[in-house]
Amino acid sequence: MRFSTSIGFYMLFIACICGCKKENSANFGLKGHVTDGDTGEPVPNTRVKVEKQVVASGVFGEAYQFAMSTTTDASGNFTGTWPRENFAALRMLAEKENYINTSRNLDVDAFKREDFEFITADVRLFKEAFIQVNLTNSGTALSNDQLSFTFLNANFDCNCCSNGWRLFEGAAVDTSWTCRIYGNHWIKYQVQIATAQQDSIYVDSVFCPANETSVLGIGY
């Protein structure tokens, strides 16, 4: 009787394991750790999303669809699962207020194993900052006055900004614009001035603290 009872418990134990494995194998899983890119400290309350390109009528769709969303805990850790299905691509997005959102593609092949396993994808987020550039001609702007400006090493998060040259002529030299950038970094820039009074070129830099707007004034 004891032997039969032991066999019964053993079979029940095996059935539970198989049931859990079957349940887990029906899902994909992602886990990771979100840290501050400058300090290395965990970033809690970060929203982590996974989006997918799925098969519809035998064709992979180009648009991304929602797969999973979760939030990091106090230690910056996150885990999440979503149902298994065929897909062409996966991407992960991490979003946090006052940080630069980040997006990265996930390795599709890593999710094709039959046995369920959480894939690890750690994330580094950088605090945001803003820089406002003010260009001013202190004299009378002539039509042939030229000022060229470029950032040399900035990492932007806006479509209007780049590390390319901007050329301003005549009265258009008196202008300003603002860019969203990565905070707590030194931003290098270069200026070229060509007027009837002067021709000059110089390189300088400005430190942009996180969560602040730094003002860069350039006059001639």
Protein backbone atom coordinates (compact mmCIF):
# COMPACT_ATOMS: atom_id res chain seq x y z
CA MET A 1 0.00 0.00 0.00
CA ARG A 2 2.80 2.40 0.89
CA PHE A 3 4.51 1.51 -2.38
CA SER A 4 1.36 2.26 -4.38
CA THR A 5 0.89 5.54 -2.53
CA SER A 6 4.48 6.55 -3.32
CA ILE A 7 3.94 5.74 -6.99
CA GLY A 8 0.78 7.83 -6.96
CA PHE A 9 2.52 10.88 -5.49
CA TYR A 10 5.40 10.46 -7.95
CA MET A 11 3.06 10.38 -10.95
CA LEU A 12 1.23 13.43 -9.63
CA PHE A 13 4.56 15.26 -9.21
CA ILE A 14 5.57 14.41 -12.80
CA ALA A 15 2.19 15.55 -14.08
CA CYS A 16 2.55 18.90 -12.32
CA ILE A 17 6.01 19.44 -13.80
CA CYS A 18 4.83 18.55 -17.29
CA GLY A 19 1.82 20.81 -16.89
CA CYS A 20 3.96 23.75 -15.81
CA LYS A 21 6.39 23.16 -18.64
CA LYS A 22 3.57 23.01 -21.16
CA GLU A 23 2.08 26.20 -19.78
CA ASN A 24 5.43 28.01 -19.82
CA SER A 25 6.26 26.82 -23.34
CA ALA A 26 3.16 28.65 -24.57
CA ASN A 27 4.80 31.99 -23.73
CA PHE A 28 7.81 34.05 -24.63
CA GLY A 29 9.62 35.79 -21.77
CA LEU A 30 11.90 38.80 -21.40
CA LYS A 31 13.75 40.03 -18.33
CA GLY A 32 16.38 42.64 -17.67
CA HIS A 33 17.77 45.50 -15.64
CA VAL A 34 17.40 49.24 -16.38
CA THR A 35 20.18 51.52 -15.15
CA ASP A 36 21.15 55.16 -15.44
CA GLY A 37 23.69 55.47 -18.26
CA ASP A 38 25.88 57.90 -16.31
CA THR A 39 25.67 56.68 -12.71
CA GLY A 40 24.88 53.00 -13.17
CA GLU A 41 22.12 53.27 -10.55
CA PRO A 42 18.83 51.39 -11.11
CA VAL A 43 15.97 53.31 -12.70
CA PRO A 44 12.66 52.25 -11.09
CA ASN A 45 9.21 52.81 -12.60
CA THR A 46 10.52 52.57 -16.15
CA ARG A 47 7.93 51.32 -18.61
CA VAL A 48 9.32 48.51 -20.77
CA LYS A 49 7.33 47.46 -23.85
CA VAL A 50 7.80 44.79 -26.49
CA GLU A 51 6.33 45.23 -29.97
CA LYS A 52 6.16 42.63 -32.72
CA GLN A 53 5.71 42.23 -36.46
CA VAL A 54 3.36 39.27 -36.88
CA VAL A 55 2.13 37.03 -39.68
CA ALA A 56 -1.28 37.89 -41.14
CA SER A 57 -2.72 35.74 -43.95
CA GLY A 58 0.68 34.21 -44.52
CA VAL A 59 2.39 37.59 -44.87
CA PHE A 60 4.57 39.37 -42.31
CA GLY A 61 3.08 42.76 -41.54
CA GLU A 62 5.34 45.82 -41.55
CA ALA A 63 3.54 47.61 -38.73
CA TYR A 64 4.52 46.82 -35.15
CA GLN A 65 1.85 45.58 -32.74
CA PHE A 66 1.71 45.43 -28.96
CA ALA A 67 3.15 42.26 -27.39
CA MET A 68 3.92 43.02 -23.74
CA SER A 69 4.27 45.87 -21.25
CA THR A 70 5.71 45.91 -17.74
CA THR A 71 7.39 48.27 -15.26
CA THR A 72 10.71 48.07 -13.45
CA ASP A 73 10.70 47.54 -9.71
CA ALA A 74 12.64 49.53 -7.09
CA SER A 75 15.85 47.74 -8.13
CA GLY A 76 15.37 48.48 -11.83
CA ASN A 77 14.47 44.88 -12.69
CA PHE A 78 11.67 43.82 -15.02
CA THR A 79 10.11 40.61 -16.33
CA GLY A 80 7.30 40.02 -18.78
CA THR A 81 5.72 37.33 -20.94
CA TRP A 82 3.45 37.15 -23.99
CA PRO A 83 1.91 34.29 -26.01
CA ARG A 84 4.07 32.40 -28.49
CA GLU A 85 3.39 33.03 -32.19
CA ASN A 86 5.28 33.49 -35.43
CA PHE A 87 6.82 36.93 -35.92
CA ALA A 88 9.28 38.64 -38.24
CA ALA A 89 10.78 41.10 -35.78
CA LEU A 90 10.69 42.20 -32.16
CA ARG A 91 11.71 45.49 -30.59
CA MET A 92 11.89 46.65 -27.01
CA LEU A 93 11.15 50.20 -25.87
CA ALA A 94 12.04 51.73 -22.50
CA GLU A 95 10.33 54.94 -21.40
CA LYS A 96 10.84 57.06 -18.30
CA GLU A 97 9.94 60.69 -17.58
CA ASN A 98 12.94 63.05 -17.75
CA TYR A 99 14.97 60.38 -19.57
CA ILE A 100 15.65 59.86 -23.27
CA ASN A 101 13.46 56.99 -24.44
CA THR A 102 15.35 54.15 -26.06
CA SER A 103 14.42 51.47 -28.57
CA ARG A 104 16.34 48.39 -29.67
CA ASN A 105 15.70 45.35 -31.83
CA LEU A 106 15.66 41.94 -30.15
CA ASP A 107 17.31 38.85 -31.61
CA VAL A 108 14.47 36.86 -33.19
CA ASP A 109 16.46 33.61 -33.23
CA ALA A 110 16.91 33.73 -29.45
CA PHE A 111 13.14 33.24 -29.05
CA LYS A 112 12.83 30.24 -31.37
CA ARG A 113 13.95 27.57 -28.92
CA GLU A 114 11.30 25.03 -27.99
CA ASP A 115 12.10 25.08 -24.29
CA PHE A 116 10.81 28.14 -22.46
CA GLU A 117 13.49 30.48 -21.20
CA PHE A 118 13.56 34.16 -20.32
CA ILE A 119 15.75 36.17 -22.68
CA THR A 120 17.82 38.84 -20.92
CA ALA A 121 18.02 42.37 -22.32
CA ASP A 122 19.50 45.07 -20.08
CA VAL A 123 18.92 48.76 -20.80
CA ARG A 124 20.82 52.00 -20.11
CA LEU A 125 18.80 55.23 -20.00
CA PHE A 126 20.26 58.73 -20.11
CA LYS A 127 18.71 61.81 -18.53
CA GLU A 128 17.45 64.48 -20.89
CA ALA A 129 18.60 68.07 -21.19
CA PHE A 130 18.00 70.97 -23.56
CA ILE A 131 20.30 73.48 -25.20
CA GLN A 132 19.07 76.80 -26.55
CA VAL A 133 21.33 78.47 -29.11
CA ASN A 134 20.98 82.24 -29.53
CA LEU A 135 22.77 83.92 -32.46
CA THR A 136 22.95 87.73 -32.36
CA ASN A 137 24.50 90.35 -34.61
CA SER A 138 25.25 93.31 -32.35
CA GLY A 139 25.76 95.70 -35.28
CA THR A 140 23.92 96.35 -38.51
CA ALA A 141 23.42 93.08 -40.35
CA LEU A 142 24.53 93.29 -43.96
CA SER A 143 23.14 91.04 -46.67
CA ASN A 144 26.51 89.35 -47.19
CA ASP A 145 27.13 88.60 -43.48
CA GLN A 146 27.46 84.89 -42.85
CA LEU A 147 27.59 82.79 -39.72
CA SER A 148 27.98 79.02 -39.84
CA PHE A 149 27.34 76.86 -36.79
CA THR A 150 27.63 73.15 -36.05
CA PHE A 151 27.61 70.83 -33.08
CA LEU A 152 30.50 68.40 -33.20
CA ASN A 153 29.65 65.63 -30.74
CA ALA A 154 26.05 66.05 -29.59
CA ASN A 155 23.69 63.08 -29.26
CA PHE A 156 20.23 64.40 -30.07
CA ASP A 157 16.68 63.21 -29.54
CA CYS A 158 14.92 65.56 -31.94
CA ASN A 159 14.55 65.59 -35.72
CA CYS A 160 15.41 69.27 -36.11
CA CYS A 161 18.93 68.96 -34.70
CA SER A 162 22.05 67.36 -36.08
CA ASN A 163 25.83 67.66 -36.14
CA GLY A 164 25.64 69.22 -39.60
CA TRP A 165 26.39 72.82 -40.52
CA ARG A 166 23.75 75.56 -40.28
CA LEU A 167 24.33 78.64 -42.45
CA PHE A 168 22.74 82.00 -41.58
CA GLU A 169 23.03 85.08 -43.80
CA GLY A 170 22.21 88.76 -43.35
CA ALA A 171 19.43 89.55 -40.89
CA ALA A 172 18.71 85.83 -40.55
CA VAL A 173 21.75 85.63 -38.29
CA ASP A 174 19.59 86.90 -35.42
CA THR A 175 17.87 83.65 -34.59
CA SER A 176 17.56 80.94 -31.94
CA TRP A 177 16.56 77.29 -31.62
CA THR A 178 16.36 74.62 -28.94
CA CYS A 179 17.45 70.98 -29.09
CA ARG A 180 16.76 68.02 -26.81
CA ILE A 181 20.01 66.28 -25.94
CA TYR A 182 21.58 63.81 -23.53
CA GLY A 183 22.17 65.50 -20.17
CA ASN A 184 25.32 65.74 -18.04
CA HIS A 185 27.57 65.93 -21.08
CA TRP A 186 29.97 68.46 -22.57
CA ILE A 187 28.69 69.54 -25.99
CA LYS A 188 31.32 70.76 -28.44
CA TYR A 189 30.47 73.25 -31.19
CA GLN A 190 32.20 75.20 -33.95
CA VAL A 191 31.45 78.70 -35.29
CA GLN A 192 32.61 80.38 -38.51
CA ILE A 193 31.97 84.10 -39.00
CA ALA A 194 32.44 86.01 -42.25
CA THR A 195 31.58 89.74 -42.35
CA ALA A 196 33.08 92.94 -43.70
CA GLN A 197 34.64 93.52 -40.26
CA GLN A 198 35.91 90.05 -39.38
CA ASP A 199 36.61 86.52 -40.51
CA SER A 200 36.99 84.08 -37.66
CA ILE A 201 36.57 80.46 -36.72
CA TYR A 202 36.60 78.91 -33.27
CA VAL A 203 35.70 75.74 -31.38
CA ASP A 204 34.30 75.69 -27.85
CA SER A 205 32.14 73.54 -25.59
CA VAL A 206 29.36 73.90 -23.04
CA PHE A 207 28.30 71.58 -20.22
CA CYS A 208 24.59 70.70 -20.23
CA PRO A 209 23.26 69.53 -16.83
CA ALA A 210 20.49 66.96 -16.85
CA ASN A 211 16.89 68.20 -16.67
CA GLU A 212 17.92 71.79 -17.38
CA THR A 213 18.00 74.13 -20.37
CA SER A 214 21.45 75.50 -21.08
CA VAL A 215 21.65 78.75 -23.05
CA LEU A 216 24.45 79.21 -25.56
CA GLY A 217 24.76 82.83 -26.70
CA ILE A 218 26.90 83.67 -29.72
CA GLY A 219 27.25 87.29 -30.77
CA TYR A 220 29.53 89.28 -33.07
